[in-house]
Protein backbone atom coordinates (compact mmCIF):
# COMPACT_ATOMS: atom_id res chain seq x y z
CA MET A 1 0.84 -14.41 26.12
CA HIS A 2 -0.02 -11.27 28.08
CA THR A 3 3.54 -10.10 28.17
CA LEU A 4 3.90 -10.52 24.41
CA TYR A 5 0.76 -8.60 23.77
CA ASN A 6 2.14 -5.71 25.73
CA LEU A 7 5.28 -5.65 23.56
CA VAL A 8 3.58 -5.84 20.25
CA SER A 9 0.85 -3.29 21.22
CA GLY A 10 3.50 -0.97 23.03
CA PRO A 11 7.14 -0.46 22.06
CA LEU A 12 7.00 -2.21 18.80
CA VAL A 13 4.11 0.08 17.68
CA TRP A 14 6.28 3.10 18.29
CA LEU A 15 9.31 1.36 16.67
CA SER A 16 7.49 0.60 13.57
CA PHE A 17 6.18 4.17 13.07
CA LEU A 18 9.71 5.32 13.56
CA ILE A 19 11.29 3.15 11.20
CA PHE A 20 8.46 4.11 8.74
CA ILE A 21 8.68 7.74 9.26
CA GLY A 22 12.57 7.90 9.37
CA GLY A 23 13.06 5.40 6.47
CA SER A 24 10.36 7.44 4.15
CA VAL A 25 12.22 10.65 4.80
CA PHE A 26 15.65 8.75 4.10
CA ARG A 27 14.40 7.22 0.72
CA ILE A 28 12.84 10.51 -0.51
CA THR A 29 15.54 12.78 0.42
CA THR A 30 18.21 10.05 -0.97
CA MET A 31 16.20 9.93 -4.28
CA ILE A 32 16.14 13.87 -4.68
CA ARG A 33 19.66 14.00 -3.96
CA LEU A 34 20.48 11.43 -6.70
CA ALA A 35 18.21 13.10 -9.02
CA LYS A 36 20.09 16.43 -8.55
CA GLU A 37 23.52 14.69 -8.99
CA LYS A 38 22.63 12.40 -11.93
CA ASP A 39 19.83 13.50 -13.82
CA THR A 40 18.84 17.34 -13.35
CA ALA A 41 16.24 17.13 -16.37
CA VAL A 42 14.24 15.63 -13.79
CA PHE A 43 13.34 18.88 -12.05
CA GLU A 44 13.93 20.87 -15.25
CA TYR A 45 11.22 18.85 -17.04
CA MET A 46 8.71 18.85 -14.13
CA ASN A 47 5.62 20.64 -15.26
CA PHE A 48 2.80 21.03 -12.67
CA TYR A 49 -0.16 21.10 -15.43
CA TYR A 50 1.06 18.02 -17.02
CA ALA A 51 2.10 16.20 -13.82
CA SER A 52 -1.33 16.81 -12.38
CA ARG A 53 -3.25 15.79 -15.48
CA SER A 54 -1.03 12.52 -15.44
CA ILE A 55 -1.63 11.74 -11.98
CA VAL A 56 -5.56 12.49 -12.05
CA HIS A 57 -5.70 10.28 -15.36
CA TRP A 58 -4.03 7.29 -13.83
CA ILE A 59 -6.02 7.14 -10.51
CA VAL A 60 -9.42 6.92 -12.59
CA PRO A 61 -10.40 3.50 -13.23
CA PHE A 62 -9.94 2.60 -16.93
CA GLY A 63 -8.28 5.84 -17.60
CA SER A 64 -5.46 4.31 -19.37
CA GLU A 65 -5.30 2.14 -22.47
CA ASN A 66 -3.65 -0.75 -20.54
CA MET A 67 -6.38 -0.62 -18.08
CA LYS A 68 -9.00 -1.19 -20.75
CA LYS A 69 -6.90 -3.98 -22.21
CA HIS A 70 -6.83 -5.73 -18.92
CA PRO A 71 -10.13 -4.98 -17.08
CA ALA A 72 -10.16 -7.84 -14.68
CA MET A 73 -6.53 -6.78 -13.54
CA THR A 74 -8.06 -3.13 -13.29
CA VAL A 75 -11.00 -3.97 -11.21
CA VAL A 76 -9.00 -5.93 -8.84
CA THR A 77 -6.09 -3.31 -8.59
CA PHE A 78 -8.43 -0.47 -7.75
CA ALA A 79 -10.55 -2.42 -5.25
CA PHE A 80 -7.04 -3.69 -3.70
CA HIS A 81 -5.54 -0.30 -3.17
CA ILE A 82 -8.93 1.36 -1.87
CA CYS A 83 -9.48 -1.44 0.66
CA LEU A 84 -5.93 -1.61 1.54
CA ILE A 85 -5.70 2.17 2.44
CA CYS A 86 -9.42 2.91 3.85
CA LEU A 87 -9.74 -0.21 5.86
CA PRO A 88 -6.96 0.39 8.44
CA LEU A 89 -8.05 3.82 8.90
CA PHE A 90 -11.98 3.36 9.35
CA VAL A 91 -12.23 -0.14 10.89
CA PHE A 92 -14.00 0.30 14.27
CA ALA A 93 -11.26 -1.27 16.37
CA HIS A 94 -8.49 1.09 15.04
CA VAL A 95 -10.68 4.25 15.50
CA ILE A 96 -11.47 3.07 19.05
CA LEU A 97 -7.49 2.93 19.59
CA TRP A 98 -7.04 6.32 18.42
CA LYS A 99 -9.83 7.68 20.58
CA GLU A 100 -8.34 5.75 23.73
CA SER A 101 -4.69 6.79 22.97
CA TRP A 102 -5.16 10.36 21.52
CA ASN A 103 -8.64 11.35 22.32
CA ILE A 104 -9.61 11.76 18.56
CA SER A 105 -11.87 9.76 16.47
CA TRP A 106 -13.85 9.88 13.32
CA TRP A 107 -16.34 8.13 11.27
CA TYR A 108 -16.03 4.07 11.01
CA LEU A 109 -17.15 1.36 8.68
CA SER A 110 -19.75 -1.17 9.87
CA ASP A 111 -18.86 -4.52 10.58
CA SER A 112 -20.44 -5.96 7.29
CA VAL A 113 -18.46 -3.30 5.21
CA ALA A 114 -15.22 -4.07 7.09
CA ASP A 115 -15.53 -7.81 6.56
CA LEU A 116 -16.32 -7.44 2.91
CA MET A 117 -13.35 -5.00 2.44
CA THR A 118 -10.90 -7.47 4.40
CA LEU A 119 -12.21 -10.33 1.91
CA THR A 120 -11.59 -8.06 -0.94
CA VAL A 121 -7.86 -7.54 -0.04
CA ILE A 122 -7.26 -11.14 0.92
CA GLY A 123 -8.89 -12.32 -2.35
CA SER A 124 -6.83 -9.67 -4.35
CA CYS A 125 -3.77 -11.01 -2.93
CA ILE A 126 -4.63 -14.48 -4.11
CA PHE A 127 -5.53 -13.10 -7.58
CA PHE A 128 -2.09 -11.57 -7.66
CA LEU A 129 -0.61 -14.79 -6.42
CA VAL A 130 -2.26 -16.77 -9.16
CA ARG A 131 -1.46 -14.23 -11.78
CA ARG A 132 2.24 -14.47 -10.86
CA LEU A 133 2.26 -18.17 -11.12
CA THR A 134 0.30 -18.55 -14.20
CA VAL A 135 0.74 -15.76 -16.64
CA PRO A 136 3.92 -16.36 -18.50
CA GLU A 137 5.04 -12.73 -18.83
CA VAL A 138 4.26 -11.83 -15.28
CA LYS A 139 6.02 -15.44 -14.17
CA TYR A 140 9.09 -14.38 -15.90
CA LEU A 141 9.73 -11.24 -13.92
CA THR A 142 8.63 -12.74 -10.58
CA SER A 143 11.14 -13.09 -7.92
CA ASN A 144 11.01 -14.84 -4.34
CA SER A 145 10.55 -11.21 -2.78
CA ASP A 146 7.32 -10.68 -4.66
CA PHE A 147 5.80 -13.58 -2.78
CA VAL A 148 7.23 -12.29 0.50
CA ILE A 149 5.49 -8.95 -0.30
CA LEU A 150 2.07 -10.66 -1.03
CA ALA A 151 2.22 -12.42 2.18
CA LEU A 152 3.45 -9.34 4.17
CA VAL A 153 0.38 -7.51 2.97
CA ALA A 154 -2.07 -10.34 3.35
CA ALA A 155 -0.94 -11.19 6.78
CA PRO A 156 -2.44 -8.29 8.72
CA PHE A 157 -5.93 -8.94 7.08
CA VAL A 158 -5.89 -12.49 7.51
CA THR A 159 -5.15 -12.59 11.04
CA GLY A 160 -7.37 -9.47 11.82
CA PHE A 161 -10.41 -11.17 10.25
CA TRP A 162 -9.35 -14.47 12.07
CA ALA A 163 -9.06 -12.52 15.57
CA TYR A 164 -12.07 -10.24 15.16
CA HIS A 165 -14.43 -13.53 14.44
CA GLN A 166 -12.75 -15.34 17.38
CA LEU A 167 -11.89 -18.31 15.35
CA PRO A 168 -9.67 -20.87 17.00
CA ALA A 169 -6.42 -19.53 18.78
CA TYR A 170 -7.81 -15.99 18.19
CA ARG A 171 -5.99 -14.41 20.88
CA LEU A 172 -2.53 -15.50 19.19
CA MET A 173 -4.01 -14.23 15.95
CA GLY A 174 -4.57 -10.89 17.42
CA ILE A 175 -1.12 -10.68 18.46
CA LEU A 176 -0.02 -11.56 15.05
CA HIS A 177 -1.96 -9.20 13.44
CA ILE A 178 -0.59 -6.26 15.47
CA LEU A 179 2.88 -7.73 14.71
CA SER A 180 2.17 -8.28 10.90
CA GLY A 181 0.88 -4.68 10.69
CA GLU A 182 3.81 -3.41 12.19
CA ILE A 183 6.17 -5.29 10.09
CA MET A 184 4.34 -4.18 6.79
CA LEU A 185 4.70 -0.64 7.94
CA ALA A 186 8.21 -0.73 8.73
CA ALA A 187 8.97 -2.36 5.36
CA ILE A 188 7.20 0.09 3.25
CA PRO A 189 10.24 2.38 2.74
CA PHE A 190 12.58 -0.51 2.00
CA THR A 191 10.59 -2.68 -0.28
CA ARG A 192 8.56 -2.40 -3.62
CA LEU A 193 5.72 -1.37 -1.38
CA SER A 194 7.73 2.10 -1.53
CA HIS A 195 5.85 2.80 -4.75
CA ALA A 196 3.19 4.16 -2.27
CA LEU A 197 5.96 7.00 -1.30
CA PHE A 198 7.02 7.63 -4.93
CA PHE A 199 3.72 7.48 -7.08
CA LEU A 200 3.16 10.96 -7.26
CA PHE A 201 6.64 11.78 -8.11
CA THR A 202 7.21 9.24 -10.75
CA ARG A 203 3.86 9.55 -12.35
CA GLY A 204 4.25 13.61 -12.32
CA TYR A 205 7.65 13.20 -13.87
CA MET A 206 6.50 10.91 -16.79
CA GLY A 207 3.34 13.19 -17.53
CA SER A 208 5.69 16.08 -17.52
CA GLU A 209 8.23 14.80 -19.90
CA PHE A 210 5.42 13.23 -22.29
CA GLY A 211 3.34 16.51 -22.03
CA ALA A 212 5.84 19.21 -21.91
CA VAL A 213 8.67 17.61 -23.93
CA LYS A 214 7.14 14.99 -26.25
CA ASN A 215 3.77 16.74 -26.67
CA ALA A 216 2.06 13.52 -26.17
CA LYS A 217 -0.07 11.77 -23.76
CA ASP A 218 1.35 9.21 -21.36
CA TRP A 219 -1.69 6.90 -21.31
């Protein structure tokens, strides 16, 4: 168990970061190259004002008409993404690791807030799962990979909560927490999670096309 812990908390951490960074650079540069080769209008239409307007509008809850039509989905989606991004950065245990490894630290969340945010992510994943199984138009578009991605996202939070509260087999869960987090990080550039990399570009392009070319709003 100790050997396995050293493996996942040492070499595999570096490997996952290298895959994430290298994969992200590869995906972004590949996308830019393909756009230049096959659709030069992508760059010709890009307009800073309309791109910024669109990005800001779409990161504001209930900013778009579709968000207003699906309030539950909107609330869950925003809560999910906020917790998914902020919790790994500001949970106390992770801040301590940065302090021990690089001698840098920052403000951290209280245990109760961290627990609430963890349960929010887990609950959101359950919500998305039920939605994919029960909403006809979503179910029709769902593939097995969507379920894998949901499990991939939920795993670090389920195992982290389990290990922190020292439930049965918490040492094993601690190892699985680190490993699942590494797998999710490495998978980002190569799965649908890559929308985290492309959001600003795709949203900016759509805003530019609608605003500068069609003279219309994209929400």
